[in-house]
Amino acid sequence: MDNFILILGMYFSYTSVEYYLEKYFDNIHADKLVLACVSAGLGNTFSDGIGFLVTGNFTWMTLTIVGCLIGMIIIPVMQKIKAKR
């Protein structure tokens, strides 16, 4: 069940991120790798959050969501390293 939620979260976050970037920013064309990384991170965050939501443990749900989002900080850091090359 966890993979089902993860795949749904990744798919809808990927299509949403791409849609909103194109809708609101005319000159921005995001790197497909960055979109995939952000989508995977958001999908995992959603999946983990739902997992704790079903158990009723809201404290762990909140901590897990915050931890997953903090973990996504590596995406812009890696992009900056890549851009310097």
N, C-alpha and C. Protein backbone atom coordinates (compact mmCIF):
# COMPACT_ATOMS: atom_id res chain seq x y z
N MET A 1 0.82 -1.19 0.00
CA MET A 1 0.00 0.00 0.00
C MET A 1 0.87 1.26 0.00
N ASP A 2 2.00 1.20 0.68
CA ASP A 2 2.89 2.35 0.76
C ASP A 2 3.39 2.75 -0.63
N ASN A 3 3.77 1.77 -1.45
CA ASN A 3 4.25 2.08 -2.80
C ASN A 3 3.15 2.69 -3.66
N PHE A 4 1.94 2.26 -3.49
CA PHE A 4 0.81 2.82 -4.23
C PHE A 4 0.67 4.31 -3.93
N ILE A 5 0.71 4.65 -2.66
CA ILE A 5 0.61 6.06 -2.25
C ILE A 5 1.83 6.83 -2.73
N LEU A 6 3.00 6.23 -2.64
CA LEU A 6 4.24 6.88 -3.08
C LEU A 6 4.19 7.18 -4.58
N ILE A 7 3.74 6.23 -5.38
CA ILE A 7 3.67 6.43 -6.83
C ILE A 7 2.63 7.49 -7.17
N LEU A 8 1.49 7.48 -6.52
CA LEU A 8 0.48 8.52 -6.75
C LEU A 8 1.03 9.90 -6.39
N GLY A 9 1.67 9.99 -5.23
CA GLY A 9 2.23 11.27 -4.80
C GLY A 9 3.30 11.77 -5.75
N MET A 10 4.18 10.88 -6.21
CA MET A 10 5.22 11.28 -7.14
C MET A 10 4.63 11.72 -8.46
N TYR A 11 3.67 10.97 -8.98
CA TYR A 11 3.08 11.30 -10.28
C TYR A 11 2.37 12.64 -10.24
N PHE A 12 1.53 12.84 -9.23
CA PHE A 12 0.77 14.09 -9.19
C PHE A 12 1.64 15.29 -8.82
N SER A 13 2.67 15.09 -8.00
CA SER A 13 3.55 16.22 -7.70
C SER A 13 4.39 16.58 -8.91
N TYR A 14 4.83 15.59 -9.69
CA TYR A 14 5.62 15.88 -10.89
C TYR A 14 4.79 16.66 -11.90
N THR A 15 3.57 16.21 -12.16
CA THR A 15 2.73 16.90 -13.13
C THR A 15 2.31 18.26 -12.61
N SER A 16 2.11 18.40 -11.33
CA SER A 16 1.72 19.69 -10.76
C SER A 16 2.86 20.69 -10.80
N VAL A 17 4.06 20.26 -10.41
CA VAL A 17 5.21 21.16 -10.40
C VAL A 17 5.46 21.67 -11.81
N GLU A 18 5.46 20.78 -12.78
CA GLU A 18 5.69 21.18 -14.16
C GLU A 18 4.59 22.11 -14.67
N TYR A 19 3.35 21.80 -14.32
CA TYR A 19 2.21 22.62 -14.75
C TYR A 19 2.31 24.05 -14.20
N TYR A 20 2.56 24.18 -12.90
CA TYR A 20 2.60 25.51 -12.29
C TYR A 20 3.82 26.31 -12.73
N LEU A 21 4.94 25.65 -12.96
CA LEU A 21 6.11 26.37 -13.47
C LEU A 21 5.81 26.97 -14.84
N GLU A 22 5.20 26.17 -15.70
CA GLU A 22 4.89 26.66 -17.04
C GLU A 22 3.77 27.70 -17.03
N LYS A 23 2.85 27.58 -16.09
CA LYS A 23 1.71 28.50 -16.04
C LYS A 23 2.11 29.89 -15.53
N TYR A 24 2.92 29.94 -14.49
CA TYR A 24 3.22 31.21 -13.84
C TYR A 24 4.55 31.83 -14.21
N PHE A 25 5.44 31.06 -14.80
CA PHE A 25 6.75 31.57 -15.17
C PHE A 25 7.00 31.30 -16.65
N ASP A 26 7.01 32.35 -17.44
CA ASP A 26 7.14 32.20 -18.88
C ASP A 26 8.51 31.68 -19.31
N ASN A 27 9.55 32.19 -18.70
CA ASN A 27 10.90 31.88 -19.17
C ASN A 27 11.59 30.77 -18.38
N ILE A 28 10.89 30.11 -17.51
CA ILE A 28 11.53 29.07 -16.70
C ILE A 28 11.23 27.70 -17.31
N HIS A 29 12.29 26.99 -17.61
CA HIS A 29 12.17 25.62 -18.07
C HIS A 29 13.03 24.78 -17.14
N ALA A 30 12.37 24.08 -16.24
CA ALA A 30 13.09 23.33 -15.21
C ALA A 30 13.76 22.09 -15.79
N ASP A 31 14.87 21.77 -15.22
CA ASP A 31 15.60 20.56 -15.56
C ASP A 31 14.75 19.35 -15.16
N LYS A 32 14.64 18.39 -16.06
CA LYS A 32 13.81 17.20 -15.79
C LYS A 32 14.33 16.41 -14.58
N LEU A 33 15.64 16.41 -14.38
CA LEU A 33 16.21 15.71 -13.23
C LEU A 33 15.79 16.38 -11.93
N VAL A 34 15.80 17.71 -11.91
CA VAL A 34 15.38 18.44 -10.71
C VAL A 34 13.89 18.18 -10.44
N LEU A 35 13.07 18.23 -11.49
CA LEU A 35 11.65 17.94 -11.32
C LEU A 35 11.43 16.53 -10.79
N ALA A 36 12.19 15.58 -11.29
CA ALA A 36 12.06 14.20 -10.81
C ALA A 36 12.47 14.09 -9.35
N CYS A 37 13.55 14.77 -8.96
CA CYS A 37 14.00 14.73 -7.56
C CYS A 37 12.98 15.38 -6.63
N VAL A 38 12.47 16.55 -7.03
CA VAL A 38 11.47 17.23 -6.21
C VAL A 38 10.21 16.37 -6.11
N SER A 39 9.80 15.80 -7.22
CA SER A 39 8.60 14.95 -7.22
C SER A 39 8.78 13.72 -6.34
N ALA A 40 9.94 13.10 -6.43
CA ALA A 40 10.20 11.93 -5.59
C ALA A 40 10.19 12.31 -4.11
N GLY A 41 10.80 13.45 -3.80
CA GLY A 41 10.82 13.91 -2.41
C GLY A 41 9.43 14.24 -1.89
N LEU A 42 8.64 14.93 -2.71
CA LEU A 42 7.27 15.25 -2.29
C LEU A 42 6.40 14.00 -2.20
N GLY A 43 6.60 13.09 -3.15
CA GLY A 43 5.84 11.84 -3.11
C GLY A 43 6.17 11.03 -1.87
N ASN A 44 7.45 10.96 -1.52
CA ASN A 44 7.87 10.25 -0.31
C ASN A 44 7.33 10.93 0.94
N THR A 45 7.38 12.26 0.96
CA THR A 45 6.86 13.01 2.11
C THR A 45 5.38 12.72 2.30
N PHE A 46 4.63 12.77 1.21
CA PHE A 46 3.19 12.49 1.25
C PHE A 46 2.93 11.07 1.73
N SER A 47 3.67 10.12 1.18
CA SER A 47 3.49 8.71 1.54
C SER A 47 3.79 8.46 3.01
N ASP A 48 4.91 9.01 3.49
CA ASP A 48 5.27 8.83 4.90
C ASP A 48 4.26 9.51 5.82
N GLY A 49 3.82 10.70 5.43
CA GLY A 49 2.82 11.42 6.24
C GLY A 49 1.52 10.65 6.35
N ILE A 50 1.06 10.09 5.23
CA ILE A 50 -0.18 9.31 5.24
C ILE A 50 -0.01 8.06 6.11
N GLY A 51 1.17 7.46 6.04
CA GLY A 51 1.43 6.28 6.87
C GLY A 51 1.26 6.56 8.35
N PHE A 52 1.76 7.70 8.82
CA PHE A 52 1.60 8.04 10.24
C PHE A 52 0.19 8.57 10.53
N LEU A 53 -0.45 9.18 9.54
CA LEU A 53 -1.81 9.67 9.72
C LEU A 53 -2.77 8.52 10.00
N VAL A 54 -2.58 7.40 9.28
CA VAL A 54 -3.46 6.26 9.47
C VAL A 54 -3.31 5.65 10.85
N THR A 55 -2.11 5.75 11.41
CA THR A 55 -1.91 5.20 12.75
C THR A 55 -2.43 6.15 13.83
N GLY A 56 -2.71 7.39 13.45
CA GLY A 56 -3.21 8.36 14.41
C GLY A 56 -2.12 9.05 15.21
N ASN A 57 -0.89 8.85 14.83
CA ASN A 57 0.23 9.44 15.55
C ASN A 57 0.63 10.75 14.88
N PHE A 58 -0.05 11.82 15.26
CA PHE A 58 0.12 13.11 14.59
C PHE A 58 1.48 13.76 14.89
N THR A 59 2.03 13.49 16.06
CA THR A 59 3.34 14.05 16.39
C THR A 59 4.41 13.49 15.45
N TRP A 60 4.43 12.15 15.30
CA TRP A 60 5.40 11.54 14.42
C TRP A 60 5.13 11.90 12.96
N MET A 61 3.87 12.07 12.60
CA MET A 61 3.54 12.48 11.25
C MET A 61 4.15 13.85 10.94
N THR A 62 3.96 14.79 11.86
CA THR A 62 4.50 16.13 11.67
C THR A 62 6.02 16.12 11.62
N LEU A 63 6.65 15.41 12.54
CA LEU A 63 8.11 15.34 12.56
C LEU A 63 8.66 14.69 11.29
N THR A 64 7.98 13.66 10.81
CA THR A 64 8.41 12.98 9.60
C THR A 64 8.29 13.88 8.38
N ILE A 65 7.19 14.60 8.27
CA ILE A 65 6.99 15.50 7.14
C ILE A 65 8.05 16.60 7.15
N VAL A 66 8.29 17.19 8.32
CA VAL A 66 9.32 18.23 8.42
C VAL A 66 10.69 17.67 8.08
N GLY A 67 10.99 16.49 8.58
CA GLY A 67 12.27 15.85 8.29
C GLY A 67 12.45 15.56 6.80
N CYS A 68 11.40 15.09 6.17
CA CYS A 68 11.48 14.81 4.72
C CYS A 68 11.70 16.10 3.94
N LEU A 69 11.02 17.17 4.32
CA LEU A 69 11.19 18.44 3.61
C LEU A 69 12.58 19.02 3.83
N ILE A 70 13.10 18.88 5.05
CA ILE A 70 14.47 19.34 5.33
C ILE A 70 15.47 18.54 4.49
N GLY A 71 15.20 17.25 4.35
CA GLY A 71 16.08 16.41 3.54
C GLY A 71 16.13 16.82 2.08
N MET A 72 15.11 17.51 1.62
CA MET A 72 15.08 17.95 0.22
C MET A 72 15.98 19.16 -0.04
N ILE A 73 16.58 19.71 1.01
CA ILE A 73 17.50 20.84 0.85
C ILE A 73 18.69 20.44 -0.03
N ILE A 74 18.99 19.16 -0.08
CA ILE A 74 20.13 18.70 -0.87
C ILE A 74 19.92 18.97 -2.36
N ILE A 75 18.69 19.10 -2.82
CA ILE A 75 18.43 19.31 -4.26
C ILE A 75 19.04 20.62 -4.75
N PRO A 76 18.74 21.78 -4.14
CA PRO A 76 19.39 23.00 -4.64
C PRO A 76 20.89 23.02 -4.39
N VAL A 77 21.35 22.37 -3.33
CA VAL A 77 22.79 22.32 -3.07
C VAL A 77 23.49 21.56 -4.20
N MET A 78 22.93 20.44 -4.59
CA MET A 78 23.52 19.66 -5.68
C MET A 78 23.46 20.42 -7.00
N GLN A 79 22.40 21.20 -7.23
CA GLN A 79 22.30 21.99 -8.44
C GLN A 79 23.38 23.07 -8.48
N LYS A 80 23.67 23.69 -7.34
CA LYS A 80 24.73 24.70 -7.29
C LYS A 80 26.09 24.07 -7.56
N ILE A 81 26.32 22.89 -7.00
CA ILE A 81 27.59 22.19 -7.26
C ILE A 81 27.70 21.83 -8.73
N LYS A 82 26.61 21.36 -9.30
CA LYS A 82 26.59 21.01 -10.72
C LYS A 82 26.82 22.22 -11.61
N ALA A 83 26.25 23.38 -11.23
CA ALA A 83 26.38 24.59 -12.04
C ALA A 83 27.82 25.12 -12.02
N LYS A 84 28.57 24.87 -10.94
CA LYS A 84 29.95 25.36 -10.84
C LYS A 84 30.91 24.58 -11.72
N ARG A 85 30.52 23.41 -12.15
CA ARG A 85 31.41 22.56 -12.97
C ARG A 85 31.52 23.08 -14.35
